[in-house]
Amino acid sequence: MSAEGTIAAVVVLPAPWPPPRALTLFAKDEGGTTVTVFADSDARLIASVRYGGDLRRCCYGPLDLPDSARVILMMTWTPDCISLFLNGNELSDRASSASELGVSTSVSGVYASGLIFPNLQLRACLSEEEHLFLCTVIDLDQKVTAGDRYSVIRASGLLRQLLLDETPLVHAVNRQYRLELSFQTVDFSQPLPVEAQAHWQALDPEPFPGARTQSCSLKQFLSAPCLAWNGRNARVSDLIRACANAKGGIHFGRTKIADEQMMLDWDQAINLLGEEPSIMAIAAVCRVTLRGLSGLVSATQRGAA
């Protein structure tokens, strides 16, 4: 970190809101730069940057927010200004409500997920492609719900077969139904206010109620940016292939594709609360994929009209 930069984190707001006393939400000290965001008893967020002997601080709010809300917090700073964003919305020194900031008042606390297709049944007279497709969807759903490292890595191989193989299962099955598949993601269309040295894009909107979302075609989803690092950019397709081709989803070992290897190198360089970023990201991509395939799953269960 230095006199300018960008940093992002997922945080759970305190309960009650506002807190009875100042409470640190995020703090990072690296390379002579200290970045801190805390909430005060006046319902404000306060961001500070200390670089060398220089300390700069900005206040935002008051903010009318729900207790224990889970939010995406992003902070950018330059020698001239500090900017703070909540769920992609830039904060100012005026009062703002939860609805203005895209923060849900109906869902709070820790995100937990279950099966997306808990009652999926295989009908009689399925074609070979349909049977393999539905069994793959069931397997993928169970593996990502299990959530352990082995299951999620194996899930990447199923994703590759569904979406990226020479003849993806999705296309093989959808030739009969001709559905326009749509995948709901966090809005990734807006560039960062300040170019980040490293940026990991969270794509699954389910853990972040109120975050801006967008609907993507399969092609757009696979091309969605998920990592920028060291001047290179990697997409969802690179993430799937990296985990399937080198991390153990199908094969294990280094990959010869630079953007795929970047994912694996980033796992070694970055640690998020003891988790590998690529494993967290593949789990999110699995859930976006499963929800996006719900229409095709239903059509396959009903059969051709």
Protein backbone atom coordinates (compact mmCIF):
# COMPACT_ATOMS: atom_id res chain seq x y z
CA MET A 1 0.00 0.00 0.00
CA SER A 2 1.06 3.60 -0.54
CA ALA A 3 -0.18 7.20 -0.70
CA GLU A 4 -2.93 6.05 -3.07
CA GLY A 5 -4.80 2.80 -3.53
CA THR A 6 -8.03 0.81 -3.36
CA ILE A 7 -9.12 -1.80 -0.86
CA ALA A 8 -12.37 -3.75 -0.46
CA ALA A 9 -13.85 -6.05 2.16
CA VAL A 10 -17.08 -7.77 3.15
CA VAL A 11 -18.11 -6.60 6.62
CA VAL A 12 -21.00 -7.23 8.98
CA LEU A 13 -22.28 -4.01 10.53
CA PRO A 14 -22.55 -3.86 14.32
CA ALA A 15 -25.69 -4.56 16.30
CA PRO A 16 -27.15 -2.38 17.50
CA TRP A 17 -26.73 0.27 14.82
CA PRO A 18 -25.34 2.78 15.57
CA PRO A 19 -22.94 1.19 18.05
CA PRO A 20 -22.86 2.70 21.56
CA ARG A 21 -19.16 3.53 21.08
CA ALA A 22 -16.73 3.77 18.16
CA LEU A 23 -16.13 0.35 16.62
CA THR A 24 -13.50 -0.58 14.04
CA LEU A 25 -14.96 -2.34 11.00
CA PHE A 26 -11.78 -2.71 8.98
CA ALA A 27 -8.07 -2.01 9.50
CA LYS A 28 -5.05 -2.80 7.37
CA ASP A 29 -1.41 -1.87 8.02
CA GLU A 30 1.12 -2.66 5.32
CA GLY A 31 4.20 -1.05 3.81
CA GLY A 32 3.98 2.11 5.88
CA THR A 33 0.31 2.78 5.10
CA THR A 34 -2.50 2.26 7.65
CA VAL A 35 -6.08 2.23 6.40
CA THR A 36 -8.96 2.18 8.91
CA VAL A 37 -12.76 2.34 8.67
CA PHE A 38 -14.84 2.57 11.85
CA ALA A 39 -18.42 3.33 12.86
CA ASP A 40 -19.17 5.88 15.56
CA SER A 41 -22.12 6.38 17.92
CA ASP A 42 -23.55 9.09 15.63
CA ALA A 43 -24.24 6.49 12.90
CA ARG A 44 -21.35 7.71 10.76
CA LEU A 45 -18.61 5.80 8.98
CA ILE A 46 -15.16 7.32 9.32
CA ALA A 47 -12.29 6.42 6.98
CA SER A 48 -8.69 7.31 7.70
CA VAL A 49 -5.37 6.87 5.90
CA ARG A 50 -2.01 7.29 7.60
CA TYR A 51 0.99 7.37 5.28
CA GLY A 52 4.30 8.32 6.80
CA GLY A 53 3.61 11.25 9.10
CA ASP A 54 0.46 12.29 7.21
CA LEU A 55 -3.00 11.40 8.64
CA ARG A 56 -6.15 12.11 6.62
CA ARG A 57 -9.69 11.39 7.77
CA CYS A 58 -13.19 11.72 6.24
CA CYS A 59 -16.64 11.28 7.79
CA TYR A 60 -19.72 9.92 6.00
CA GLY A 61 -23.32 10.04 7.10
CA PRO A 62 -25.21 9.77 9.39
CA LEU A 63 -26.42 6.50 7.86
CA ASP A 64 -29.71 4.79 8.68
CA LEU A 65 -28.69 1.13 8.44
CA PRO A 66 -30.08 -2.17 9.81
CA ASP A 67 -28.36 -4.08 12.60
CA SER A 68 -25.90 -6.79 11.48
CA ALA A 69 -26.31 -6.04 7.77
CA ARG A 70 -23.72 -7.73 5.55
CA VAL A 71 -22.24 -5.22 3.07
CA ILE A 72 -19.43 -4.76 0.56
CA LEU A 73 -17.21 -1.92 1.72
CA MET A 74 -14.72 -0.35 -0.70
CA MET A 75 -12.34 2.51 -0.01
CA THR A 76 -10.14 4.42 -2.45
CA TRP A 77 -7.62 7.10 -1.62
CA THR A 78 -5.28 9.50 -3.39
CA PRO A 79 -3.18 12.39 -2.03
CA ASP A 80 -6.21 14.63 -2.67
CA CYS A 81 -9.23 12.68 -1.42
CA ILE A 82 -10.66 9.62 0.30
CA SER A 83 -13.79 7.93 -1.10
CA LEU A 84 -15.90 5.28 0.61
CA PHE A 85 -18.46 3.02 -1.12
CA LEU A 86 -21.15 0.80 0.41
CA ASN A 87 -22.51 -1.90 -1.94
CA GLY A 88 -21.14 0.15 -4.83
CA ASN A 89 -22.79 3.41 -3.73
CA GLU A 90 -20.50 6.33 -2.92
CA LEU A 91 -21.05 7.85 0.51
CA SER A 92 -21.10 11.57 1.27
CA ASP A 93 -21.35 13.76 4.35
CA ARG A 94 -25.16 13.87 4.13
CA ALA A 95 -27.68 11.55 5.78
CA SER A 96 -28.50 8.42 3.75
CA SER A 97 -30.99 5.59 4.20
CA ALA A 98 -30.51 1.86 3.77
CA SER A 99 -32.65 1.85 0.59
CA GLU A 100 -30.55 4.62 -0.96
CA LEU A 101 -27.41 2.60 -0.29
CA GLY A 102 -28.77 -0.74 -1.50
CA VAL A 103 -28.62 -2.31 1.97
CA SER A 104 -31.39 -4.79 2.76
CA THR A 105 -33.43 -4.29 5.93
CA SER A 106 -34.99 -7.76 5.67
CA VAL A 107 -31.89 -9.96 5.72
CA SER A 108 -29.15 -9.61 8.28
CA GLY A 109 -26.51 -11.67 9.97
CA VAL A 110 -24.32 -14.38 8.48
CA TYR A 111 -25.09 -15.70 5.01
CA ALA A 112 -25.96 -19.38 4.87
CA SER A 113 -27.08 -21.35 1.83
CA GLY A 114 -28.74 -24.67 1.13
CA LEU A 115 -29.51 -26.76 -1.94
CA ILE A 116 -30.83 -24.77 -4.89
CA PHE A 117 -32.68 -27.85 -6.24
CA PRO A 118 -33.63 -29.78 -3.07
CA ASN A 119 -36.41 -31.80 -4.77
CA LEU A 120 -35.03 -32.34 -8.26
CA GLN A 121 -36.40 -35.55 -9.78
CA LEU A 122 -35.35 -37.47 -12.91
CA ARG A 123 -38.35 -38.19 -15.12
CA ALA A 124 -38.68 -41.30 -17.24
CA CYS A 125 -37.64 -41.32 -20.91
CA LEU A 126 -34.85 -38.77 -20.55
CA SER A 127 -32.40 -38.60 -23.42
CA GLU A 128 -28.79 -39.51 -22.66
CA GLU A 129 -27.82 -35.82 -22.71
CA GLU A 130 -30.71 -34.80 -20.44
CA HIS A 131 -29.96 -37.54 -17.91
CA LEU A 132 -26.29 -36.59 -17.75
CA PHE A 133 -27.20 -32.89 -17.50
CA LEU A 134 -29.63 -33.35 -14.60
CA CYS A 135 -27.31 -35.73 -12.74
CA THR A 136 -24.49 -33.20 -13.16
CA VAL A 137 -26.69 -30.40 -11.82
CA ILE A 138 -27.65 -32.52 -8.78
CA ASP A 139 -23.99 -33.41 -8.16
CA LEU A 140 -22.88 -29.78 -8.53
CA ASP A 141 -25.61 -28.58 -6.16
CA GLN A 142 -24.64 -31.13 -3.52
CA LYS A 143 -20.91 -30.41 -3.78
CA VAL A 144 -21.19 -26.63 -3.47
CA THR A 145 -23.66 -27.00 -0.59
CA ALA A 146 -21.22 -29.32 1.21
CA GLY A 147 -18.75 -26.48 0.87
CA ASP A 148 -15.54 -28.29 1.88
CA ARG A 149 -12.40 -27.69 -0.16
CA TYR A 150 -12.40 -31.10 -1.88
CA SER A 151 -16.07 -30.83 -2.91
CA VAL A 152 -15.71 -27.32 -4.32
CA ILE A 153 -12.58 -28.24 -6.29
CA ARG A 154 -14.40 -31.26 -7.74
CA ALA A 155 -17.32 -28.96 -8.57
CA SER A 156 -15.04 -26.98 -10.90
CA GLY A 157 -14.72 -30.06 -13.12
CA LEU A 158 -18.51 -30.30 -13.32
CA LEU A 159 -18.70 -26.61 -14.22
CA ARG A 160 -16.20 -27.15 -17.04
CA GLN A 161 -18.27 -30.03 -18.42
CA LEU A 162 -21.49 -28.03 -18.16
CA LEU A 163 -20.24 -24.75 -19.61
CA LEU A 164 -16.84 -24.97 -21.29
CA ASP A 165 -16.10 -28.35 -22.87
CA GLU A 166 -15.91 -28.65 -26.65
CA THR A 167 -19.61 -29.55 -26.60
CA PRO A 168 -20.87 -28.16 -23.27
CA LEU A 169 -23.72 -30.13 -21.70
CA VAL A 170 -25.79 -26.94 -21.49
CA HIS A 171 -25.68 -26.49 -25.27
CA ALA A 172 -26.25 -30.20 -25.96
CA VAL A 173 -29.47 -30.13 -23.92
CA ASN A 174 -30.66 -26.64 -24.88
CA ARG A 175 -30.65 -27.44 -28.62
CA GLN A 176 -34.06 -28.98 -28.04
CA TYR A 177 -35.54 -26.26 -25.81
CA ARG A 178 -33.84 -23.13 -27.24
CA LEU A 179 -34.14 -21.14 -24.01
CA GLU A 180 -32.43 -17.81 -23.49
CA LEU A 181 -30.40 -18.53 -20.37
CA SER A 182 -29.89 -15.66 -17.94
CA PHE A 183 -27.37 -15.49 -15.10
CA GLN A 184 -27.88 -12.98 -12.29
CA THR A 185 -24.65 -11.47 -10.94
CA VAL A 186 -23.44 -8.51 -8.94
CA ASP A 187 -23.16 -5.59 -11.37
CA PHE A 188 -19.63 -5.73 -12.79
CA SER A 189 -20.22 -3.24 -15.60
CA GLN A 190 -18.98 -0.18 -13.71
CA PRO A 191 -15.19 0.38 -13.59
CA LEU A 192 -13.51 0.97 -10.25
CA PRO A 193 -13.35 4.67 -9.29
CA VAL A 194 -9.58 4.25 -8.93
CA GLU A 195 -7.59 1.54 -10.70
CA ALA A 196 -6.64 -1.10 -8.14
CA GLN A 197 -3.36 -2.97 -8.04
CA ALA A 198 -5.36 -6.09 -7.20
CA HIS A 199 -9.13 -6.49 -7.42
CA TRP A 200 -11.26 -9.59 -6.83
CA GLN A 201 -14.82 -9.27 -8.19
CA ALA A 202 -17.55 -10.91 -6.08
CA LEU A 203 -20.17 -12.13 -8.58
CA ASP A 204 -22.80 -13.97 -6.51
CA PRO A 205 -25.39 -11.42 -5.28
CA GLU A 206 -27.09 -13.79 -2.80
CA PRO A 207 -24.82 -12.99 0.18
CA PHE A 208 -25.22 -9.23 -0.43
CA PRO A 209 -28.92 -8.26 -0.29
CA GLY A 210 -29.47 -4.86 -1.90
CA ALA A 211 -26.31 -4.89 -4.04
CA ARG A 212 -26.75 -3.75 -7.65
CA THR A 213 -27.20 -6.72 -9.98
CA GLN A 214 -27.27 -7.43 -13.69
CA SER A 215 -28.56 -10.22 -15.94
CA CYS A 216 -26.01 -11.85 -18.24
CA SER A 217 -26.10 -14.27 -21.13
CA LEU A 218 -23.91 -17.36 -20.72
CA LYS A 219 -21.26 -15.76 -22.92
CA GLN A 220 -21.28 -12.57 -20.83
CA PHE A 221 -21.13 -14.54 -17.59
CA LEU A 222 -18.14 -16.59 -18.71
CA SER A 223 -16.42 -13.36 -19.80
CA ALA A 224 -17.14 -11.56 -16.51
CA PRO A 225 -13.97 -10.23 -14.86
CA CYS A 226 -13.16 -11.91 -11.57
CA LEU A 227 -9.54 -10.92 -10.92
CA ALA A 228 -7.22 -8.09 -11.91
CA TRP A 229 -3.66 -8.46 -10.64
CA ASN A 230 -0.21 -7.37 -11.77
CA GLY A 231 -1.62 -5.78 -14.91
CA ARG A 232 -3.48 -8.91 -16.04
CA ASN A 233 -7.20 -9.69 -16.05
CA ALA A 234 -8.84 -13.09 -15.60
CA ARG A 235 -12.42 -14.06 -16.39
CA VAL A 236 -14.88 -16.60 -14.98
CA SER A 237 -13.88 -19.04 -17.73
CA ASP A 238 -10.22 -18.72 -16.65
CA LEU A 239 -11.21 -19.40 -13.04
CA ILE A 240 -13.17 -22.55 -13.95
CA ARG A 241 -10.38 -23.89 -16.14
CA ALA A 242 -7.69 -23.09 -13.57
CA CYS A 243 -9.48 -25.05 -10.84
CA ALA A 244 -10.55 -27.88 -13.16
CA ASN A 245 -7.32 -28.24 -15.16
CA ALA A 246 -4.71 -27.61 -12.48
CA LYS A 247 -6.18 -27.47 -8.98
CA GLY A 248 -7.68 -30.94 -9.05
CA GLY A 249 -11.20 -30.58 -10.45
CA ILE A 250 -10.11 -32.90 -13.27
CA HIS A 251 -6.32 -32.57 -13.45
CA PHE A 252 -3.69 -31.48 -10.93
CA GLY A 253 -0.55 -29.43 -11.60
CA ARG A 254 0.51 -26.16 -13.16
CA THR A 255 -1.34 -24.84 -16.19
CA LYS A 256 0.33 -23.49 -19.31
CA ILE A 257 -2.26 -20.71 -19.70
CA ALA A 258 -1.06 -17.47 -18.08
CA ASP A 259 -4.47 -16.17 -16.97
CA GLU A 260 -5.34 -19.54 -15.42
CA GLN A 261 -2.00 -19.79 -13.62
CA MET A 262 -2.52 -16.25 -12.29
CA MET A 263 -5.48 -17.59 -10.30
CA LEU A 264 -3.34 -20.27 -8.68
CA ASP A 265 -0.48 -17.85 -8.00
CA TRP A 266 -2.93 -15.43 -6.36
CA ASP A 267 -4.05 -18.20 -3.99
CA GLN A 268 -0.45 -18.47 -2.83
CA ALA A 269 -0.04 -14.70 -2.44
CA ILE A 270 -3.36 -13.80 -0.82
CA ASN A 271 -5.06 -15.31 2.21
CA LEU A 272 -8.66 -14.33 3.03
CA LEU A 273 -9.42 -15.40 6.60
CA GLY A 274 -7.55 -18.63 5.94
CA GLU A 275 -9.42 -19.38 2.70
CA GLU A 276 -8.11 -19.68 -0.87
CA PRO A 277 -9.71 -16.96 -3.02
CA SER A 278 -10.20 -19.31 -5.99
CA ILE A 279 -12.16 -21.79 -3.84
CA MET A 280 -14.43 -19.03 -2.54
CA ALA A 281 -14.90 -17.72 -6.09
CA ILE A 282 -15.65 -21.14 -7.63
CA ALA A 283 -18.33 -21.74 -4.99
CA ALA A 284 -19.94 -18.40 -5.92
CA VAL A 285 -19.76 -19.21 -9.65
CA CYS A 286 -21.41 -22.58 -8.96
CA ARG A 287 -24.37 -20.94 -7.28
CA VAL A 288 -24.80 -18.29 -10.00
CA THR A 289 -24.64 -21.10 -12.58
CA LEU A 290 -27.20 -23.29 -10.83
CA ARG A 291 -29.70 -20.44 -10.48
CA GLY A 292 -29.12 -19.48 -14.12
CA LEU A 293 -29.88 -23.03 -15.26
CA SER A 294 -33.16 -23.29 -13.33
CA GLY A 295 -35.27 -22.68 -16.45
CA LEU A 296 -33.45 -25.36 -18.44
CA VAL A 297 -33.69 -27.77 -15.50
CA SER A 298 -37.47 -27.23 -15.36
CA ALA A 299 -37.84 -27.67 -19.12
CA THR A 300 -35.81 -30.88 -19.01
CA GLN A 301 -37.95 -32.26 -16.20
CA ARG A 302 -41.17 -31.49 -18.13
CA GLY A 303 -39.87 -32.78 -21.46
CA ALA A 304 -40.49 -31.36 -24.92
CA ALA A 305 -43.87 -29.75 -25.45
